[in-house]
Amino acid sequence: MALLTFQGIYKNGKIEILEAPEDISESKVLITFLDTPESASQKPSSLRGLWKNRFPADFDLDHALKEIRSEWESNGETNNQ
């Protein structure tokens, strides 16, 4: 079964296809609704606070990331040799 994707707009109970498919006169379809205009204009919910109290107060994120990067870079050099 081949799947083809075409853009369309759902409005007032009807679907308008924006690009007519070639060589298809009749076919079953699957419809996936993407962001609505209302939800597309909304800001995504903030992740701020999601990690609150998950790390010790003295946790140095910059230092931890530098260590990870250093390990990653040294592993990359040894794997390439």
PDB file of N, CA and C in Angstrom:
ATOM      1  N   MET A   1       0.847  -1.176   0.000  1.00  0.00           N
ATOM      2  CA  MET A   1       0.000   0.000   0.000  1.00  0.00           C
ATOM      3  C   MET A   1       0.892   1.239   0.000  1.00  0.00           C
ATOM      4  N   ALA A   2       0.746   2.085  -0.967  1.00  0.00           N
ATOM      5  CA  ALA A   2       1.510   3.326  -1.047  1.00  0.00           C
ATOM      6  C   ALA A   2       0.744   4.431  -0.339  1.00  0.00           C
ATOM      7  N   LEU A   3       1.472   5.258   0.400  1.00  0.00           N
ATOM      8  CA  LEU A   3       0.850   6.400   1.071  1.00  0.00           C
ATOM      9  C   LEU A   3       1.320   7.681   0.408  1.00  0.00           C
ATOM     10  N   LEU A   4       0.390   8.538   0.100  1.00  0.00           N
ATOM     11  CA  LEU A   4       0.704   9.853  -0.448  1.00  0.00           C
ATOM     12  C   LEU A   4       0.186  10.892   0.527  1.00  0.00           C
ATOM     13  N   THR A   5       0.884  11.992   0.655  1.00  0.00           N
ATOM     14  CA  THR A   5       0.476  13.049   1.575  1.00  0.00           C
ATOM     15  C   THR A   5       0.241  14.337   0.810  1.00  0.00           C
ATOM     16  N   PHE A   6      -0.899  14.961   1.067  1.00  0.00           N
ATOM     17  CA  PHE A   6      -1.250  16.230   0.445  1.00  0.00           C
ATOM     18  C   PHE A   6      -1.753  17.166   1.524  1.00  0.00           C
ATOM     19  N   GLN A   7      -1.439  18.440   1.388  1.00  0.00           N
ATOM     20  CA  GLN A   7      -1.933  19.406   2.352  1.00  0.00           C
ATOM     21  C   GLN A   7      -3.370  19.768   2.052  1.00  0.00           C
ATOM     22  N   GLY A   8      -4.095  20.074   3.103  1.00  0.00           N
ATOM     23  CA  GLY A   8      -5.471  20.496   2.953  1.00  0.00           C
ATOM     24  C   GLY A   8      -5.888  21.324   4.147  1.00  0.00           C
ATOM     25  N   ILE A   9      -7.087  21.815   4.102  1.00  0.00           N
ATOM     26  CA  ILE A   9      -7.634  22.624   5.186  1.00  0.00           C
ATOM     27  C   ILE A   9      -8.998  22.062   5.561  1.00  0.00           C
ATOM     28  N   TYR A  10      -9.218  21.860   6.845  1.00  0.00           N
ATOM     29  CA  TYR A  10     -10.520  21.443   7.353  1.00  0.00           C
ATOM     30  C   TYR A  10     -11.234  22.685   7.858  1.00  0.00           C
ATOM     31  N   LYS A  11     -12.421  22.935   7.332  1.00  0.00           N
ATOM     32  CA  LYS A  11     -13.172  24.112   7.749  1.00  0.00           C
ATOM     33  C   LYS A  11     -14.658  23.838   7.600  1.00  0.00           C
ATOM     34  N   ASN A  12     -15.391  24.105   8.640  1.00  0.00           N
ATOM     35  CA  ASN A  12     -16.851  23.944   8.632  1.00  0.00           C
ATOM     36  C   ASN A  12     -17.275  22.543   8.187  1.00  0.00           C
ATOM     37  N   GLY A  13     -16.573  21.531   8.672  1.00  0.00           N
ATOM     38  CA  GLY A  13     -16.956  20.154   8.392  1.00  0.00           C
ATOM     39  C   GLY A  13     -16.522  19.613   7.043  1.00  0.00           C
ATOM     40  N   LYS A  14     -15.755  20.388   6.295  1.00  0.00           N
ATOM     41  CA  LYS A  14     -15.306  19.943   4.973  1.00  0.00           C
ATOM     42  C   LYS A  14     -13.791  20.041   4.877  1.00  0.00           C
ATOM     43  N   ILE A  15     -13.223  19.189   4.039  1.00  0.00           N
ATOM     44  CA  ILE A  15     -11.781  19.199   3.807  1.00  0.00           C
ATOM     45  C   ILE A  15     -11.519  19.666   2.390  1.00  0.00           C
ATOM     46  N   GLU A  16     -10.693  20.679   2.273  1.00  0.00           N
ATOM     47  CA  GLU A  16     -10.292  21.206   0.967  1.00  0.00           C
ATOM     48  C   GLU A  16      -8.838  20.800   0.738  1.00  0.00           C
ATOM     49  N   ILE A  17      -8.580  20.032  -0.317  1.00  0.00           N
ATOM     50  CA  ILE A  17      -7.210  19.628  -0.653  1.00  0.00           C
ATOM     51  C   ILE A  17      -6.566  20.763  -1.423  1.00  0.00           C
ATOM     52  N   LEU A  18      -5.374  21.164  -0.989  1.00  0.00           N
ATOM     53  CA  LEU A  18      -4.707  22.312  -1.598  1.00  0.00           C
ATOM     54  C   LEU A  18      -3.964  21.951  -2.872  1.00  0.00           C
ATOM     55  N   GLU A  19      -3.675  20.670  -3.059  1.00  0.00           N
ATOM     56  CA  GLU A  19      -2.966  20.213  -4.261  1.00  0.00           C
ATOM     57  C   GLU A  19      -3.671  18.945  -4.741  1.00  0.00           C
ATOM     58  N   ALA A  20      -4.152  18.958  -5.941  1.00  0.00           N
ATOM     59  CA  ALA A  20      -4.886  17.802  -6.456  1.00  0.00           C
ATOM     60  C   ALA A  20      -3.925  16.651  -6.760  1.00  0.00           C
ATOM     61  N   PRO A  21      -4.207  15.458  -6.230  1.00  0.00           N
ATOM     62  CA  PRO A  21      -3.357  14.306  -6.544  1.00  0.00           C
ATOM     63  C   PRO A  21      -3.555  13.864  -7.988  1.00  0.00           C
ATOM     64  N   GLU A  22      -2.475  13.515  -8.637  1.00  0.00           N
ATOM     65  CA  GLU A  22      -2.555  13.034 -10.023  1.00  0.00           C
ATOM     66  C   GLU A  22      -2.832  11.532 -10.027  1.00  0.00           C
ATOM     67  N   ASP A  23      -3.516  11.078 -11.046  1.00  0.00           N
ATOM     68  CA  ASP A  23      -3.764   9.651 -11.271  1.00  0.00           C
ATOM     69  C   ASP A  23      -4.551   8.980 -10.146  1.00  0.00           C
ATOM     70  N   ILE A  24      -5.322   9.738  -9.380  1.00  0.00           N
ATOM     71  CA  ILE A  24      -6.172   9.134  -8.349  1.00  0.00           C
ATOM     72  C   ILE A  24      -7.581   9.676  -8.550  1.00  0.00           C
ATOM     73  N   SER A  25      -8.501   8.782  -8.894  1.00  0.00           N
ATOM     74  CA  SER A  25      -9.886   9.208  -9.065  1.00  0.00           C
ATOM     75  C   SER A  25     -10.726   8.855  -7.836  1.00  0.00           C
ATOM     76  N   GLU A  26     -10.287   7.813  -7.111  1.00  0.00           N
ATOM     77  CA  GLU A  26     -11.014   7.392  -5.909  1.00  0.00           C
ATOM     78  C   GLU A  26     -10.044   6.641  -5.019  1.00  0.00           C
ATOM     79  N   SER A  27     -10.106   6.910  -3.721  1.00  0.00           N
ATOM     80  CA  SER A  27      -9.194   6.247  -2.793  1.00  0.00           C
ATOM     81  C   SER A  27      -9.677   6.431  -1.365  1.00  0.00           C
ATOM     82  N   LYS A  28      -9.342   5.492  -0.515  1.00  0.00           N
ATOM     83  CA  LYS A  28      -9.544   5.671   0.918  1.00  0.00           C
ATOM     84  C   LYS A  28      -8.505   6.682   1.389  1.00  0.00           C
ATOM     85  N   VAL A  29      -8.813   7.385   2.475  1.00  0.00           N
ATOM     86  CA  VAL A  29      -7.880   8.382   3.001  1.00  0.00           C
ATOM     87  C   VAL A  29      -7.750   8.225   4.513  1.00  0.00           C
ATOM     88  N   LEU A  30      -6.637   8.690   5.029  1.00  0.00           N
ATOM     89  CA  LEU A  30      -6.414   8.845   6.466  1.00  0.00           C
ATOM     90  C   LEU A  30      -6.230  10.340   6.698  1.00  0.00           C
ATOM     91  N   ILE A  31      -6.867  10.870   7.715  1.00  0.00           N
ATOM     92  CA  ILE A  31      -6.790  12.301   7.964  1.00  0.00           C
ATOM     93  C   ILE A  31      -6.113  12.536   9.304  1.00  0.00           C
ATOM     94  N   THR A  32      -5.085  13.371   9.302  1.00  0.00           N
ATOM     95  CA  THR A  32      -4.371  13.739  10.518  1.00  0.00           C
ATOM     96  C   THR A  32      -4.524  15.233  10.722  1.00  0.00           C
ATOM     97  N   PHE A  33      -5.018  15.634  11.870  1.00  0.00           N
ATOM     98  CA  PHE A  33      -5.168  17.051  12.160  1.00  0.00           C
ATOM     99  C   PHE A  33      -3.883  17.575  12.775  1.00  0.00           C
ATOM    100  N   LEU A  34      -3.355  18.657  12.202  1.00  0.00           N
ATOM    101  CA  LEU A  34      -2.169  19.316  12.715  1.00  0.00           C
ATOM    102  C   LEU A  34      -2.615  20.444  13.636  1.00  0.00           C
ATOM    103  N   ASP A  35      -1.696  21.276  14.035  1.00  0.00           N
ATOM    104  CA  ASP A  35      -2.027  22.393  14.923  1.00  0.00           C
ATOM    105  C   ASP A  35      -3.168  23.224  14.359  1.00  0.00           C
ATOM    106  N   THR A  36      -4.081  23.574  15.226  1.00  0.00           N
ATOM    107  CA  THR A  36      -5.145  24.486  14.822  1.00  0.00           C
ATOM    108  C   THR A  36      -4.590  25.904  14.897  1.00  0.00           C
ATOM    109  N   PRO A  37      -5.192  26.850  14.207  1.00  0.00           N
ATOM    110  CA  PRO A  37      -4.689  28.227  14.286  1.00  0.00           C
ATOM    111  C   PRO A  37      -4.598  28.742  15.721  1.00  0.00           C
ATOM    112  N   GLU A  38      -5.539  28.356  16.575  1.00  0.00           N
ATOM    113  CA  GLU A  38      -5.517  28.803  17.970  1.00  0.00           C
ATOM    114  C   GLU A  38      -4.322  28.216  18.713  1.00  0.00           C
ATOM    115  N   SER A  39      -4.062  26.912  18.545  1.00  0.00           N
ATOM    116  CA  SER A  39      -2.961  26.287  19.278  1.00  0.00           C
ATOM    117  C   SER A  39      -1.613  26.663  18.688  1.00  0.00           C
ATOM    118  N   ALA A  40      -1.568  26.984  17.396  1.00  0.00           N
ATOM    119  CA  ALA A  40      -0.300  27.365  16.782  1.00  0.00           C
ATOM    120  C   ALA A  40       0.171  28.712  17.296  1.00  0.00           C
ATOM    121  N   SER A  41      -0.759  29.574  17.671  1.00  0.00           N
ATOM    122  CA  SER A  41      -0.374  30.893  18.148  1.00  0.00           C
ATOM    123  C   SER A  41      -0.037  30.900  19.631  1.00  0.00           C
ATOM    124  N   GLN A  42      -0.362  29.832  20.343  1.00  0.00           N
ATOM    125  CA  GLN A  42      -0.064  29.765  21.762  1.00  0.00           C
ATOM    126  C   GLN A  42       1.401  29.439  21.983  1.00  0.00           C
ATOM    127  N   LYS A  43       1.964  30.015  23.016  1.00  0.00           N
ATOM    128  CA  LYS A  43       3.340  29.712  23.368  1.00  0.00           C
ATOM    129  C   LYS A  43       3.380  28.329  24.001  1.00  0.00           C
ATOM    130  N   PRO A  44       4.456  27.566  23.754  1.00  0.00           N
ATOM    131  CA  PRO A  44       4.557  26.260  24.394  1.00  0.00           C
ATOM    132  C   PRO A  44       4.667  26.417  25.907  1.00  0.00           C
ATOM    133  N   SER A  45       4.184  25.421  26.618  1.00  0.00           N
ATOM    134  CA  SER A  45       4.276  25.499  28.074  1.00  0.00           C
ATOM    135  C   SER A  45       5.741  25.485  28.493  1.00  0.00           C
ATOM    136  N   SER A  46       6.021  26.187  29.531  1.00  0.00           N
ATOM    137  CA  SER A  46       7.403  26.357  29.979  1.00  0.00           C
ATOM    138  C   SER A  46       7.901  25.103  30.691  1.00  0.00           C
ATOM    139  N   LEU A  47       9.156  24.775  30.459  1.00  0.00           N
ATOM    140  CA  LEU A  47       9.787  23.676  31.182  1.00  0.00           C
ATOM    141  C   LEU A  47      10.452  24.186  32.455  1.00  0.00           C
ATOM    142  N   ARG A  48      10.454  25.507  32.601  1.00  0.00           N
ATOM    143  CA  ARG A  48      11.051  26.106  33.791  1.00  0.00           C
ATOM    144  C   ARG A  48      10.340  25.551  35.019  1.00  0.00           C
ATOM    145  N   GLY A  49      11.095  25.089  35.951  1.00  0.00           N
ATOM    146  CA  GLY A  49      10.530  24.541  37.174  1.00  0.00           C
ATOM    147  C   GLY A  49      10.334  23.041  37.114  1.00  0.00           C
ATOM    148  N   LEU A  50      10.386  22.466  35.921  1.00  0.00           N
ATOM    149  CA  LEU A  50      10.221  21.025  35.789  1.00  0.00           C
ATOM    150  C   LEU A  50      11.332  20.284  36.528  1.00  0.00           C
ATOM    151  N   TRP A  51      12.540  20.844  36.471  1.00  0.00           N
ATOM    152  CA  TRP A  51      13.695  20.218  37.124  1.00  0.00           C
ATOM    153  C   TRP A  51      13.997  20.848  38.480  1.00  0.00           C
ATOM    154  N   LYS A  52      13.109  21.705  38.948  1.00  0.00           N
ATOM    155  CA  LYS A  52      13.317  22.366  40.234  1.00  0.00           C
ATOM    156  C   LYS A  52      13.462  21.324  41.336  1.00  0.00           C
ATOM    157  N   ASN A  53      14.445  21.506  42.172  1.00  0.00           N
ATOM    158  CA  ASN A  53      14.738  20.624  43.318  1.00  0.00           C
ATOM    159  C   ASN A  53      15.174  19.226  42.891  1.00  0.00           C
ATOM    160  N   ARG A  54      15.599  19.049  41.656  1.00  0.00           N
ATOM    161  CA  ARG A  54      16.071  17.750  41.185  1.00  0.00           C
ATOM    162  C   ARG A  54      17.582  17.603  41.338  1.00  0.00           C
ATOM    163  N   PHE A  55      18.267  18.737  41.501  1.00  0.00           N
ATOM    164  CA  PHE A  55      19.719  18.736  41.656  1.00  0.00           C
ATOM    165  C   PHE A  55      20.075  19.461  42.947  1.00  0.00           C
ATOM    166  N   PRO A  56      21.242  19.139  43.528  1.00  0.00           N
ATOM    167  CA  PRO A  56      21.669  19.870  44.725  1.00  0.00           C
ATOM    168  C   PRO A  56      21.835  21.356  44.407  1.00  0.00           C
ATOM    169  N   ALA A  57      21.669  22.197  45.402  1.00  0.00           N
ATOM    170  CA  ALA A  57      21.757  23.647  45.214  1.00  0.00           C
ATOM    171  C   ALA A  57      23.117  24.063  44.668  1.00  0.00           C
ATOM    172  N   ASP A  58      24.173  23.320  45.001  1.00  0.00           N
ATOM    173  CA  ASP A  58      25.512  23.696  44.556  1.00  0.00           C
ATOM    174  C   ASP A  58      25.911  23.000  43.240  1.00  0.00           C
ATOM    175  N   PHE A  59      24.967  22.396  42.546  1.00  0.00           N
ATOM    176  CA  PHE A  59      25.260  21.697  41.299  1.00  0.00           C
ATOM    177  C   PHE A  59      25.695  22.694  40.226  1.00  0.00           C
ATOM    178  N   ASP A  60      26.854  22.450  39.621  1.00  0.00           N
ATOM    179  CA  ASP A  60      27.399  23.348  38.595  1.00  0.00           C
ATOM    180  C   ASP A  60      27.139  22.726  37.223  1.00  0.00           C
ATOM    181  N   LEU A  61      26.081  23.171  36.582  1.00  0.00           N
ATOM    182  CA  LEU A  61      25.680  22.618  35.297  1.00  0.00           C
ATOM    183  C   LEU A  61      26.738  22.855  34.228  1.00  0.00           C
ATOM    184  N   ASP A  62      27.309  24.055  34.201  1.00  0.00           N
ATOM    185  CA  ASP A  62      28.343  24.356  33.202  1.00  0.00           C
ATOM    186  C   ASP A  62      29.524  23.397  33.330  1.00  0.00           C
ATOM    187  N   HIS A  63      29.949  23.133  34.551  1.00  0.00           N
ATOM    188  CA  HIS A  63      31.076  22.219  34.762  1.00  0.00           C
ATOM    189  C   HIS A  63      30.708  20.798  34.307  1.00  0.00           C
ATOM    190  N   ALA A  64      29.501  20.370  34.653  1.00  0.00           N
ATOM    191  CA  ALA A  64      29.065  19.024  34.263  1.00  0.00           C
ATOM    192  C   ALA A  64      29.018  18.893  32.745  1.00  0.00           C
ATOM    193  N   LEU A  65      28.526  19.912  32.059  1.00  0.00           N
ATOM    194  CA  LEU A  65      28.468  19.859  30.597  1.00  0.00           C
ATOM    195  C   LEU A  65      29.861  19.872  29.972  1.00  0.00           C
ATOM    196  N   LYS A  66      30.784  20.629  30.560  1.00  0.00           N
ATOM    197  CA  LYS A  66      32.168  20.643  30.060  1.00  0.00           C
ATOM    198  C   LYS A  66      32.806  19.265  30.210  1.00  0.00           C
ATOM    199  N   GLU A  67      32.548  18.590  31.326  1.00  0.00           N
ATOM    200  CA  GLU A  67      33.072  17.229  31.523  1.00  0.00           C
ATOM    201  C   GLU A  67      32.502  16.268  30.493  1.00  0.00           C
ATOM    202  N   ILE A  68      31.221  16.353  30.259  1.00  0.00           N
ATOM    203  CA  ILE A  68      30.580  15.480  29.273  1.00  0.00           C
ATOM    204  C   ILE A  68      31.168  15.730  27.891  1.00  0.00           C
ATOM    205  N   ARG A  69      31.323  17.007  27.540  1.00  0.00           N
ATOM    206  CA  ARG A  69      31.888  17.346  26.236  1.00  0.00           C
ATOM    207  C   ARG A  69      33.313  16.832  26.115  1.00  0.00           C
ATOM    208  N   SER A  70      34.094  16.978  27.167  1.00  0.00           N
ATOM    209  CA  SER A  70      35.481  16.514  27.162  1.00  0.00           C
ATOM    210  C   SER A  70      35.544  14.999  26.964  1.00  0.00           C
ATOM    211  N   GLU A  71      34.697  14.278  27.684  1.00  0.00           N
ATOM    212  CA  GLU A  71      34.648  12.813  27.533  1.00  0.00           C
ATOM    213  C   GLU A  71      34.216  12.434  26.120  1.00  0.00           C
ATOM    214  N   TRP A  72      33.235  13.137  25.599  1.00  0.00           N
ATOM    215  CA  TRP A  72      32.726  12.847  24.260  1.00  0.00           C
ATOM    216  C   TRP A  72      33.812  13.086  23.214  1.00  0.00           C
ATOM    217  N   GLU A  73      34.523  14.202  23.360  1.00  0.00           N
ATOM    218  CA  GLU A  73      35.578  14.518  22.404  1.00  0.00           C
ATOM    219  C   GLU A  73      36.735  13.530  22.491  1.00  0.00           C
ATOM    220  N   SER A  74      37.118  13.122  23.710  1.00  0.00           N
ATOM    221  CA  SER A  74      38.225  12.170  23.847  1.00  0.00           C
ATOM    222  C   SER A  74      37.827  10.798  23.318  1.00  0.00           C
ATOM    223  N   ASN A  75      36.572  10.400  23.493  1.00  0.00           N
ATOM    224  CA  ASN A  75      36.105   9.122  22.926  1.00  0.00           C
ATOM    225  C   ASN A  75      36.073   9.166  21.418  1.00  0.00           C
ATOM    226  N   GLY A  76      35.718  10.296  20.858  1.00  0.00           N
ATOM    227  CA  GLY A  76      35.694  10.450  19.419  1.00  0.00           C
ATOM    228  C   GLY A  76      37.081  10.348  18.820  1.00  0.00           C
ATOM    229  N   GLU A  77      38.087  10.904  19.508  1.00  0.00           N
ATOM    230  CA  GLU A  77      39.459  10.853  19.015  1.00  0.00           C
ATOM    231  C   GLU A  77      40.010   9.427  19.068  1.00  0.00           C
ATOM    232  N   THR A  78      39.679   8.703  20.151  1.00  0.00           N
ATOM    233  CA  THR A  78      40.208   7.340  20.250  1.00  0.00           C
ATOM    234  C   THR A  78      39.520   6.391  19.297  1.00  0.00           C
ATOM    235  N   ASN A  79      38.230   6.653  19.018  1.00  0.00           N
ATOM    236  CA  ASN A  79      37.491   5.787  18.105  1.00  0.00           C
ATOM    237  C   ASN A  79      37.914   5.997  16.658  1.00  0.00           C
ATOM    238  N   ASN A  80      38.432   7.172  16.326  1.00  0.00           N
ATOM    239  CA  ASN A  80      38.824   7.475  14.960  1.00  0.00           C
ATOM    240  C   ASN A  80      40.231   6.989  14.644  1.00  0.00           C
ATOM    241  N   GLN A  81      40.979   6.582  15.647  1.00  0.00           N
ATOM    242  CA  GLN A  81      42.368   6.161  15.405  1.00  0.00           C
ATOM    243  C   GLN A  81      42.453   4.681  15.130  1.00  0.00           C
TER     244      GLN A  81
END
